Amino acid sequence: MNAIEATELSKTFRVRRKEKGMKGSLRALLHPETEEIKAVDRISFNVKEGEVLAFIGPNGAGKSTTIKMLTGILYPDGGNVRVLDIDPSKKRKQLAYEIGTVFGQKEQLWVHLTPYDNFQFFGAIYDLSARETEARIRELGEIFELGAFINTPVRSLSLGQRIRCEIVASLIHKPKVLFLDEPTIGLDPVVKESIRSLIKQMNKELGTTIFLTSHDVGDIEKLCKRIIIVNSGRIVLDESMEHLKYHYLNKKIVEAKLQEETLLQAGEGITVLKQKGGHVKFEVDTEKMPISDALRLIGGENVEDINISNIPLENIITEIYKAENIGTT
């Protein structure tokens, strides 16, 4: 079954136009001019129950507007949307009991309260009994390892600890769909990896459908099996992560340590990225040259150590942006 269904979803905003300078300000005040901006332009997609989906694109692509329509904050101008078979624009309160949201740059916790007190508060908001709330706090506290700081005021927590508590607060009522907007923004690499592991565990153990937006390629690559890229309010790509990596850039990164320095020449299917002494790093386009042929160029007996890896997802997305003429800001 589908947790989210969007069909021909559209949203247009009317904004005022203003020329530069004082003259432009006066003209805009006395004779205002407006223009229509199509933030979301007839997009259609489905998200299956239990799926982890990345919904990404450059700034201004329509991501936030789409999420706001999916959660009932904004009403669509056209098309249809159903989340858990509920129309968000007509039954927003009912939907609120079934979904959770985490915004990496916005706090929902009361900073002067402890995480435990916050969770009690959210349990009451969602009409959970005291017993149900305690059980959820205990269950989620174990999964997210909150024991060491669950009774410490939120204002005294580190950013990583706070994000973990934000996620728990959004899960206290057992939502079936969780919307994550930049959940690891501002976190150091170690904490990011911890948060990603917890999200994966949550999805696996609780079966929560996750709708993720992020500019962090690591979030997308390590959490999601499917990716939707949007630009100018339209979907430009909807593929599985596996298909994306394999079909858009059939390239491998080879790093080798050689016993003797060998000058590797760029050629058909080979791009030399770095050469220094006995160390060489190059990119192989496997559609043009088999990886085995590329390795012969550096000599099998000359190799002391070698590492072959997939091209980073960030590079793939950049290439797609270039192909579709999408801005990368």
Protein backbone atom coordinates (compact mmCIF):
# COMPACT_ATOMS: atom_id res chain seq x y z
CA MET A 1 0.00 0.00 0.00
CA ASN A 2 0.99 3.62 -0.49
CA ALA A 3 1.53 5.90 2.49
CA ILE A 4 1.61 9.01 0.27
CA GLU A 5 -0.13 9.61 -3.05
CA ALA A 6 0.23 12.87 -4.97
CA THR A 7 -1.42 13.39 -8.36
CA GLU A 8 -0.91 16.49 -10.53
CA LEU A 9 -0.15 18.46 -7.34
CA SER A 10 0.22 22.22 -7.97
CA LYS A 11 0.75 25.39 -5.96
CA THR A 12 1.11 28.96 -7.24
CA PHE A 13 2.05 32.04 -5.23
CA ARG A 14 1.34 35.63 -6.18
CA VAL A 15 4.23 37.92 -5.25
CA ARG A 16 4.80 41.64 -5.61
CA ARG A 17 7.38 42.97 -8.05
CA LYS A 18 9.55 45.94 -7.15
CA GLU A 19 12.21 47.78 -9.10
CA LYS A 20 15.42 48.96 -7.48
CA GLY A 21 15.79 52.24 -5.62
CA MET A 22 13.44 54.75 -3.99
CA LYS A 23 11.53 55.32 -7.23
CA GLY A 24 10.86 51.60 -7.50
CA SER A 25 9.66 51.49 -3.88
CA LEU A 26 7.23 54.37 -4.45
CA ARG A 27 5.91 52.84 -7.65
CA ALA A 28 5.41 49.51 -5.90
CA LEU A 29 3.51 51.28 -3.12
CA LEU A 30 1.26 53.40 -5.36
CA HIS A 31 0.88 51.03 -8.31
CA PRO A 32 1.72 47.55 -7.10
CA GLU A 33 2.50 44.94 -9.70
CA THR A 34 2.34 41.23 -9.01
CA GLU A 35 3.42 38.09 -10.77
CA GLU A 36 2.57 34.45 -10.34
CA ILE A 37 5.27 31.97 -9.36
CA LYS A 38 4.55 28.29 -9.83
CA ALA A 39 6.23 26.71 -6.81
CA VAL A 40 4.90 23.22 -7.55
CA ASP A 41 3.87 22.36 -11.09
CA ARG A 42 1.69 19.25 -11.51
CA ILE A 43 3.92 16.70 -9.80
CA SER A 44 2.83 13.11 -9.26
CA PHE A 45 4.47 10.46 -7.09
CA ASN A 46 3.70 7.69 -4.60
CA VAL A 47 5.57 6.59 -1.46
CA LYS A 48 5.03 3.04 -0.23
CA GLU A 49 4.46 2.19 3.41
CA GLY A 50 7.79 1.66 5.18
CA GLU A 51 9.79 3.29 2.36
CA VAL A 52 12.61 5.77 2.97
CA LEU A 53 12.49 8.40 0.22
CA ALA A 54 14.87 11.29 -0.49
CA PHE A 55 13.10 14.34 -1.94
CA ILE A 56 15.84 16.73 -3.01
CA GLY A 57 16.62 19.65 -5.26
CA PRO A 58 18.26 23.09 -5.29
CA ASN A 59 16.94 25.96 -3.21
CA GLY A 60 13.60 27.19 -4.57
CA ALA A 61 12.85 23.88 -6.29
CA GLY A 62 9.52 23.40 -4.48
CA LYS A 63 10.55 20.94 -1.76
CA SER A 64 9.26 22.86 1.25
CA THR A 65 6.03 23.82 -0.52
CA THR A 66 5.41 20.15 -1.33
CA ILE A 67 5.99 19.09 2.27
CA LYS A 68 3.65 21.80 3.54
CA MET A 69 0.91 20.52 1.24
CA LEU A 70 1.55 16.92 2.32
CA THR A 71 1.19 17.92 5.98
CA GLY A 72 -1.82 20.19 5.49
CA ILE A 73 -0.07 23.49 6.21
CA LEU A 74 -0.74 24.74 2.66
CA TYR A 75 -3.67 23.95 0.41
CA PRO A 76 -2.91 22.91 -3.19
CA ASP A 77 -4.26 24.94 -6.12
CA GLY A 78 -4.72 21.83 -8.17
CA GLY A 79 -4.36 18.08 -8.12
CA ASN A 80 -4.93 15.64 -5.31
CA VAL A 81 -2.89 14.45 -2.35
CA ARG A 82 -3.57 11.76 0.21
CA VAL A 83 -1.38 10.81 3.15
CA LEU A 84 -2.41 7.55 4.82
CA ASP A 85 -5.62 7.84 2.80
CA ILE A 86 -6.36 11.21 4.44
CA ASP A 87 -6.77 14.48 2.53
CA PRO A 88 -4.42 16.88 4.41
CA SER A 89 -6.31 19.98 3.32
CA LYS A 90 -9.62 18.69 4.70
CA LYS A 91 -8.58 16.68 7.74
CA ARG A 92 -5.35 18.26 8.97
CA LYS A 93 -6.06 17.58 12.66
CA GLN A 94 -6.78 13.92 11.99
CA LEU A 95 -3.60 13.64 9.93
CA ALA A 96 -1.53 15.27 12.70
CA TYR A 97 -2.16 12.22 14.89
CA GLU A 98 -0.68 9.95 12.20
CA ILE A 99 2.46 11.87 11.14
CA GLY A 100 5.56 13.36 12.74
CA THR A 101 7.89 16.15 11.62
CA VAL A 102 11.49 17.01 12.46
CA PHE A 103 13.05 20.23 11.19
CA GLY A 104 16.79 20.40 11.81
CA GLN A 105 16.76 24.21 12.01
CA LYS A 106 13.60 24.62 14.12
CA GLU A 107 13.08 23.53 17.70
CA GLN A 108 9.85 22.02 18.94
CA LEU A 109 11.11 21.14 22.44
CA TRP A 110 10.72 23.49 25.41
CA VAL A 111 14.33 24.30 26.24
CA HIS A 112 13.77 24.90 29.97
CA LEU A 113 12.20 21.43 30.37
CA THR A 114 14.01 18.11 30.38
CA PRO A 115 13.53 15.69 27.47
CA TYR A 116 11.46 13.48 29.77
CA ASP A 117 9.11 16.35 30.65
CA ASN A 118 8.86 17.31 26.97
CA PHE A 119 7.90 13.76 26.05
CA GLN A 120 5.23 13.77 28.75
CA PHE A 121 3.91 17.03 27.31
CA PHE A 122 3.77 15.65 23.77
CA GLY A 123 2.09 12.49 25.04
CA ALA A 124 -0.66 14.63 26.55
CA ILE A 125 -1.03 16.63 23.31
CA TYR A 126 -1.63 13.40 21.40
CA ASP A 127 -4.11 12.11 23.99
CA LEU A 128 -1.94 9.21 25.14
CA SER A 129 -2.62 7.73 28.55
CA ALA A 130 0.07 8.07 31.24
CA ARG A 131 0.83 4.36 30.86
CA GLU A 132 1.15 4.61 27.07
CA THR A 133 3.41 7.66 27.33
CA GLU A 134 5.70 5.98 29.85
CA ALA A 135 5.94 2.88 27.68
CA ARG A 136 6.85 4.97 24.60
CA ILE A 137 9.44 6.99 26.50
CA ARG A 138 11.03 3.79 27.77
CA GLU A 139 10.98 2.12 24.33
CA LEU A 140 12.31 5.11 22.39
CA GLY A 141 14.75 6.04 25.14
CA GLU A 142 16.41 2.66 24.72
CA ILE A 143 16.49 2.84 20.92
CA PHE A 144 17.94 6.37 20.88
CA GLU A 145 20.10 5.88 24.00
CA LEU A 146 18.75 8.86 25.94
CA GLY A 147 19.35 7.50 29.44
CA ALA A 148 22.40 9.64 30.23
CA PHE A 149 20.64 12.96 29.59
CA ILE A 150 16.88 12.35 29.58
CA ASN A 151 16.53 14.37 32.81
CA THR A 152 18.85 17.21 31.76
CA PRO A 153 17.25 20.50 30.61
CA VAL A 154 17.19 20.71 26.81
CA ARG A 155 19.10 24.01 26.85
CA SER A 156 22.10 22.14 28.31
CA LEU A 157 22.17 19.42 25.63
CA SER A 158 24.56 19.23 22.70
CA LEU A 159 23.12 19.67 19.20
CA GLY A 160 23.37 15.95 18.53
CA GLN A 161 21.57 15.08 21.76
CA ARG A 162 18.86 17.64 21.01
CA ILE A 163 18.25 16.24 17.51
CA ARG A 164 17.85 12.75 18.99
CA CYS A 165 15.29 14.13 21.42
CA GLU A 166 13.51 16.03 18.61
CA ILE A 167 13.09 12.77 16.71
CA VAL A 168 11.81 10.95 19.81
CA ALA A 169 9.30 13.75 20.48
CA SER A 170 7.98 13.32 16.94
CA LEU A 171 7.65 9.56 17.42
CA ILE A 172 5.97 9.57 20.82
CA HIS A 173 2.49 9.04 19.28
CA LYS A 174 3.64 6.25 16.93
CA PRO A 175 3.31 8.18 13.64
CA LYS A 176 3.16 6.09 10.52
CA VAL A 177 4.93 8.73 8.41
CA LEU A 178 7.87 10.88 9.54
CA PHE A 179 8.93 13.99 7.61
CA LEU A 180 12.61 14.82 8.16
CA ASP A 181 13.88 18.19 6.93
CA GLU A 182 17.70 18.47 7.18
CA PRO A 183 17.86 16.24 10.29
CA THR A 184 21.69 16.23 10.49
CA ILE A 185 22.40 19.89 9.63
CA GLY A 186 25.21 21.35 11.73
CA LEU A 187 26.23 18.02 13.27
CA ASP A 188 29.79 16.70 13.30
CA PRO A 189 30.53 13.55 11.23
CA VAL A 190 30.46 11.15 14.20
CA VAL A 191 27.09 12.42 15.47
CA LYS A 192 25.69 12.44 11.91
CA GLU A 193 26.54 8.78 11.52
CA SER A 194 24.90 8.02 14.86
CA ILE A 195 21.68 9.82 13.88
CA ARG A 196 21.61 8.02 10.53
CA SER A 197 22.00 4.64 12.24
CA LEU A 198 19.17 5.45 14.62
CA ILE A 199 16.89 6.51 11.75
CA LYS A 200 17.64 3.27 9.89
CA GLN A 201 16.97 1.26 13.03
CA MET A 202 13.70 3.12 13.61
CA ASN A 203 12.56 2.43 10.06
CA LYS A 204 13.47 -1.25 10.34
CA GLU A 205 12.02 -1.92 13.79
CA LEU A 206 8.98 0.37 13.75
CA GLY A 207 8.22 0.28 10.01
CA THR A 208 7.96 4.08 9.86
CA THR A 209 7.68 5.62 6.38
CA ILE A 210 10.31 8.37 6.07
CA PHE A 211 10.15 11.36 3.74
CA LEU A 212 13.58 13.00 3.82
CA THR A 213 14.86 16.29 2.46
CA SER A 214 18.55 17.03 2.84
CA HIS A 215 21.48 18.76 1.18
CA ASP A 216 23.82 16.25 2.85
CA VAL A 217 24.69 13.56 0.32
CA GLY A 218 25.65 11.21 3.17
CA ASP A 219 22.07 11.29 4.50
CA ILE A 220 20.68 10.39 1.10
CA GLU A 221 23.21 7.71 0.23
CA LYS A 222 23.10 5.93 3.58
CA LEU A 223 19.40 6.15 4.38
CA CYS A 224 17.41 6.06 1.14
CA LYS A 225 16.70 3.42 -1.47
CA ARG A 226 14.84 5.83 -3.74
CA ILE A 227 15.41 9.43 -4.74
CA ILE A 228 13.22 12.10 -6.32
CA ILE A 229 14.94 15.21 -7.68
CA VAL A 230 12.80 18.30 -8.26
CA ASN A 231 13.55 21.59 -9.95
CA SER A 232 11.33 24.59 -10.70
CA GLY A 233 8.39 22.74 -9.19
CA ARG A 234 8.73 19.70 -11.43
CA ILE A 235 10.15 16.22 -10.98
CA VAL A 236 13.24 15.74 -13.13
CA LEU A 237 14.20 12.30 -11.84
CA ASP A 238 12.52 9.51 -9.86
CA GLU A 239 14.76 6.46 -9.54
CA SER A 240 16.02 3.86 -7.11
CA MET A 241 19.41 4.64 -5.61
CA GLU A 242 20.85 1.50 -7.18
CA HIS A 243 19.62 2.47 -10.64
CA LEU A 244 20.84 6.02 -10.16
CA LYS A 245 24.38 4.97 -9.38
CA TYR A 246 24.57 2.29 -12.05
CA HIS A 247 22.93 3.95 -15.03
CA TYR A 248 23.82 7.61 -14.69
CA LEU A 249 27.53 7.24 -14.14
CA ASN A 250 29.04 3.80 -14.65
CA LYS A 251 32.28 4.93 -13.12
CA LYS A 252 34.67 3.59 -10.51
CA ILE A 253 37.34 5.35 -8.50
CA VAL A 254 40.61 3.41 -8.31
CA GLU A 255 43.31 4.31 -5.79
CA ALA A 256 46.54 2.32 -5.94
CA LYS A 257 49.89 2.26 -4.19
CA LEU A 258 52.62 1.11 -6.56
CA GLN A 259 56.06 -0.35 -5.88
CA GLU A 260 57.53 1.75 -8.66
CA GLU A 261 56.28 5.07 -9.97
CA THR A 262 54.27 4.64 -13.16
CA LEU A 263 53.04 7.52 -15.27
CA LEU A 264 49.43 6.77 -16.13
CA GLN A 265 48.13 8.48 -19.26
CA ALA A 266 44.52 9.62 -19.60
CA GLY A 267 42.67 7.97 -22.46
CA GLU A 268 39.35 6.55 -23.58
CA GLY A 269 37.54 5.59 -20.38
CA ILE A 270 40.34 6.75 -18.04
CA THR A 271 40.58 10.07 -16.21
CA VAL A 272 43.66 10.58 -14.06
CA LEU A 273 42.71 12.40 -10.87
CA LYS A 274 46.02 12.37 -8.99
CA GLN A 275 49.57 11.07 -9.39
CA LYS A 276 52.35 11.51 -6.87
CA GLY A 277 55.25 9.15 -6.45
CA GLY A 278 53.92 5.63 -6.17
CA HIS A 279 50.38 6.75 -5.48
CA VAL A 280 47.86 7.05 -8.29
CA LYS A 281 44.13 7.82 -8.32
CA PHE A 282 42.02 7.60 -11.44
CA GLU A 283 38.45 7.29 -12.63
CA VAL A 284 37.31 4.48 -14.92
CA ASP A 285 34.24 4.69 -17.13
CA THR A 286 33.27 1.02 -17.24
CA GLU A 287 31.05 1.57 -20.28
CA LYS A 288 34.18 2.44 -22.28
CA MET A 289 36.79 0.31 -20.55
CA PRO A 290 36.45 -2.78 -18.33
CA ILE A 291 37.97 -2.30 -14.89
CA SER A 292 40.28 -5.27 -15.55
CA ASP A 293 41.80 -3.52 -18.59
CA ALA A 294 42.31 -0.36 -16.57
CA LEU A 295 44.18 -2.28 -13.87
CA ARG A 296 46.52 -3.80 -16.46
CA LEU A 297 47.71 -0.29 -17.33
CA ILE A 298 49.32 0.08 -13.91
CA GLY A 299 50.75 -3.45 -13.94
CA GLY A 300 49.51 -6.20 -11.64
CA GLU A 301 52.87 -7.08 -10.07
CA ASN A 302 53.61 -3.39 -9.45
CA VAL A 303 50.61 -2.94 -7.15
CA GLU A 304 51.19 -3.02 -3.39
CA ASP A 305 47.71 -1.95 -2.35
CA ILE A 306 44.52 -1.04 -4.18
CA ASN A 307 41.05 0.26 -3.41
CA ILE A 308 38.13 0.38 -5.87
CA SER A 309 35.03 2.37 -4.93
CA ASN A 310 31.87 3.74 -6.50
CA ILE A 311 31.81 7.36 -7.56
CA PRO A 312 30.37 9.54 -4.76
CA LEU A 313 26.65 10.21 -5.01
CA GLU A 314 27.39 13.94 -4.81
CA ASN A 315 29.19 13.72 -8.14
CA ILE A 316 26.27 11.86 -9.69
CA ILE A 317 23.75 14.45 -8.53
CA THR A 318 25.98 17.26 -9.79
CA GLU A 319 26.12 15.61 -13.22
CA ILE A 320 22.32 15.28 -13.26
CA TYR A 321 21.98 18.94 -12.29
CA LYS A 322 24.29 19.89 -15.16
CA ALA A 323 22.40 17.69 -17.61
CA GLU A 324 19.08 19.21 -16.58
CA ASN A 325 20.57 22.71 -16.27
CA ILE A 326 19.68 22.84 -12.56
CA GLY A 327 21.30 25.33 -10.22
CA THR A 328 23.34 23.78 -7.40
CA THR A 329 23.05 26.54 -4.78
